[in-house]
Amino acid sequence: MSNQGRSRKDGSHKGTGSGDATADHLVEVAHEVLAETPDVRAEKLKVLKRQLEAGTYHPDEGAVAEGLIREHLANEKPQGKLQGR
């Protein structure tokens, strides 16, 4: 199997031929954008942690329950006919 066009373990990109310059440029731009993108989740977690510590975090219980049910239904495997009926 060829290693052409695959990323290396060190994060660099090995080119594949005629489109190397474009692909390499796109990879470079993607890395730059990622480096400049703020970690939104980390900031949200800091806010939630402060709210928990202050006793001011009050989640919407109905929304939490709905989310749990929705996730369960999405992950539920279809069952065959019930036995004994």
Protein backbone atom coordinates (compact mmCIF):
# COMPACT_ATOMS: atom_id res chain seq x y z
CA MET A 1 0.00 0.00 0.00
CA SER A 2 1.35 3.43 -0.94
CA ASN A 3 1.94 6.24 1.55
CA GLN A 4 1.29 8.93 -1.04
CA GLY A 5 -1.02 11.70 0.12
CA ARG A 6 -1.12 10.53 3.71
CA SER A 7 -0.35 12.50 6.83
CA ARG A 8 2.79 11.61 8.70
CA LYS A 9 2.88 10.89 12.43
CA ASP A 10 4.52 14.29 13.04
CA GLY A 11 1.52 16.05 11.47
CA SER A 12 3.24 16.94 8.22
CA HIS A 13 1.69 16.02 4.88
CA LYS A 14 3.42 14.02 2.17
CA GLY A 15 2.43 15.18 -1.29
CA THR A 16 1.14 12.98 -4.07
CA GLY A 17 2.26 14.62 -7.29
CA SER A 18 0.84 17.36 -9.50
CA GLY A 19 -1.65 18.69 -6.94
CA ASP A 20 0.91 18.80 -4.13
CA ALA A 21 1.18 22.58 -3.94
CA THR A 22 -2.58 23.04 -3.66
CA ALA A 23 -3.06 20.22 -1.16
CA ASP A 24 -0.10 21.36 0.91
CA HIS A 25 -1.43 24.91 0.91
CA LEU A 26 -4.89 23.76 2.01
CA VAL A 27 -3.38 21.72 4.83
CA GLU A 28 -1.29 24.72 5.90
CA VAL A 29 -4.34 27.01 5.86
CA ALA A 30 -6.37 24.47 7.86
CA HIS A 31 -3.65 24.28 10.51
CA GLU A 32 -3.54 28.08 10.73
CA VAL A 33 -7.32 28.34 11.10
CA LEU A 34 -7.35 25.67 13.80
CA ALA A 35 -4.55 27.43 15.69
CA GLU A 36 -6.53 30.69 15.66
CA THR A 37 -9.89 29.15 16.55
CA PRO A 38 -10.79 29.63 20.20
CA ASP A 39 -11.65 26.57 22.23
CA VAL A 40 -15.33 27.38 22.78
CA ARG A 41 -16.02 24.26 24.83
CA ALA A 42 -13.25 25.09 27.28
CA GLU A 43 -14.79 28.54 27.84
CA LYS A 44 -18.27 27.03 28.28
CA LEU A 45 -16.88 24.57 30.82
CA LYS A 46 -15.26 27.40 32.78
CA VAL A 47 -18.59 29.24 32.91
CA LEU A 48 -20.45 26.11 34.01
CA LYS A 49 -17.83 25.37 36.68
CA ARG A 50 -18.18 28.91 38.07
CA GLN A 51 -21.96 28.54 38.13
CA LEU A 52 -21.74 25.19 39.92
CA GLU A 53 -19.34 26.60 42.51
CA ALA A 54 -21.59 29.63 43.07
CA GLY A 55 -24.73 27.52 43.26
CA THR A 56 -26.29 29.42 40.37
CA TYR A 57 -26.39 26.57 37.82
CA HIS A 58 -30.00 25.56 37.25
CA PRO A 59 -30.39 23.39 34.15
CA ASP A 60 -33.76 22.98 32.46
CA GLU A 61 -34.76 19.55 33.76
CA GLY A 62 -37.30 19.05 30.99
CA ALA A 63 -34.71 19.76 28.30
CA VAL A 64 -32.24 17.40 29.96
CA ALA A 65 -34.85 14.62 30.15
CA GLU A 66 -35.90 15.22 26.56
CA GLY A 67 -32.29 15.06 25.41
CA LEU A 68 -31.69 11.80 27.28
CA ILE A 69 -34.82 10.23 25.80
CA ARG A 70 -33.99 11.46 22.30
CA GLU A 71 -30.43 10.06 22.58
CA HIS A 72 -31.72 6.74 23.90
CA LEU A 73 -34.22 6.40 21.07
CA ALA A 74 -31.57 7.28 18.49
CA ASN A 75 -29.25 4.59 19.86
CA GLU A 76 -31.92 1.95 20.44
CA LYS A 77 -31.55 -1.18 18.34
CA PRO A 78 -34.72 -2.44 16.69
CA GLN A 79 -36.07 -5.52 18.47
CA GLY A 80 -37.86 -8.41 16.84
CA LYS A 81 -41.35 -9.51 17.72
CA LEU A 82 -41.94 -9.99 21.42
CA GLN A 83 -41.95 -13.64 22.40
CA GLY A 84 -45.05 -15.11 23.95
CA ARG A 85 -47.47 -12.74 22.23
